[in-house]
Protein backbone atom coordinates (compact mmCIF):
# COMPACT_ATOMS: atom_id res chain seq x y z
CA MET A 1 7.14 9.20 -0.62
CA GLY A 2 4.61 10.11 1.81
CA PHE A 3 3.32 12.84 4.36
CA ARG A 4 1.92 12.87 7.78
CA GLN A 5 -0.28 15.79 9.18
CA ARG A 6 -1.96 16.93 11.87
CA VAL A 7 -5.42 18.42 11.00
CA LEU A 8 -7.70 20.12 13.75
CA GLY A 9 -5.62 19.59 16.61
CA ARG A 10 -6.52 15.58 16.98
CA ILE A 11 -6.90 14.12 13.54
CA ASN A 12 -3.71 12.51 11.88
CA LEU A 13 -3.79 12.18 8.24
CA SER A 14 -1.27 10.15 6.15
CA GLY A 15 -0.76 8.98 2.83
CA ARG A 16 1.99 7.08 0.64
CA TYR A 17 2.94 6.50 -2.98
CA GLY A 18 5.26 4.24 -4.14
CA GLU A 19 6.39 2.60 -7.76
CA GLN A 20 8.87 -0.11 -8.49
CA GLU A 21 9.95 -1.86 -11.69
CA THR A 22 11.20 -5.32 -11.28
CA GLY A 23 12.67 -7.68 -14.10
CA TYR A 24 12.95 -11.64 -13.92
CA SER A 25 15.39 -13.70 -15.63
CA ALA A 26 15.82 -17.57 -16.05
CA THR A 27 18.24 -19.62 -13.95
CA GLN A 28 18.39 -22.65 -15.77
CA ALA A 29 19.04 -23.03 -19.71
CA ARG A 30 16.06 -23.36 -21.93
CA VAL A 31 13.54 -21.88 -19.48
CA GLU A 32 11.63 -18.65 -20.56
CA ALA A 33 11.52 -15.95 -18.20
CA GLY A 34 12.06 -12.51 -19.60
CA ARG A 35 9.07 -10.83 -17.42
CA LYS A 36 8.78 -7.59 -16.28
CA ASP A 37 6.68 -6.12 -13.72
CA ARG A 38 5.91 -2.53 -12.85
CA SER A 39 3.54 -1.79 -9.78
CA HIS A 40 2.19 1.13 -8.31
CA THR A 41 1.13 1.48 -4.44
CA TYR A 42 -0.77 4.25 -2.86
CA GLY A 43 -2.30 4.24 0.62
CA LEU A 44 -4.39 7.03 2.75
CA ARG A 45 -4.98 6.99 6.38
CA ALA A 46 -7.25 9.15 8.82
CA GLU A 47 -6.68 8.45 12.56
CA ILE A 48 -8.25 10.32 15.56
CA THR A 49 -7.66 9.97 19.40
CA LEU A 50 -10.92 9.43 21.11
CA ARG A 51 -9.50 8.81 24.53
CA ARG A 52 -5.97 8.92 26.08
CA ARG A 53 -5.45 5.30 25.01
CA VAL A 54 -8.11 4.63 22.62
CA ARG A 55 -7.59 5.41 18.87
CA ALA A 56 -9.82 4.93 15.51
CA ALA A 57 -8.54 5.02 12.28
CA VAL A 58 -9.91 4.29 8.58
CA PHE A 59 -7.81 3.48 5.73
CA HIS A 60 -7.56 2.81 1.92
CA GLN A 61 -4.77 1.17 0.25
CA SER A 62 -4.50 0.34 -3.58
CA THR A 63 -2.06 -1.76 -5.41
CA ASP A 64 -1.70 -2.38 -9.30
CA ASN A 65 0.87 -4.90 -10.77
CA ALA A 66 1.18 -4.89 -14.54
CA SER A 67 3.51 -7.67 -15.78
CA ASN A 68 4.53 -8.10 -19.63
CA ARG A 69 3.65 -11.90 -19.25
CA GLU A 70 0.12 -13.15 -19.04
CA GLY A 71 -1.42 -14.43 -15.43
CA PHE A 72 0.91 -12.09 -13.39
CA ALA A 73 -1.03 -8.79 -13.31
CA VAL A 74 -2.43 -8.09 -10.06
CA ARG A 75 -4.93 -5.49 -8.75
CA SER A 76 -5.74 -4.95 -5.11
CA ASN A 77 -7.90 -2.71 -3.32
CA GLN A 78 -8.44 -2.83 0.44
CA THR A 79 -10.51 -0.72 2.61
CA GLY A 80 -11.25 -0.85 6.53
CA THR A 81 -11.45 0.60 9.97
CA GLU A 82 -9.57 -0.06 12.89
CA ILE A 83 -9.64 0.50 16.67
CA SER A 84 -6.97 0.09 18.79
CA TYR A 85 -6.27 0.59 22.78
CA ARG A 86 -2.76 0.92 24.29
CA TYR A 87 -2.23 0.07 28.01
């Protein structure tokens, strides 16, 4: 689920959120799997048009994956800036 909204006539704000649950099973006999992962992801972004063809943006994205099996949990945070030129 997400949103996108223009603010003050030139700034575009957007955001999204998602959840997912994934189960894993063994494909061979005598191999233990039984793993279940649950992940949550969200992202936020603000973008502004500087000139007709130039845009600048800042963003943040976060992912958290929990697992019932040790060694499969992951947490990731990414923050950055972006400048783009369209021709």
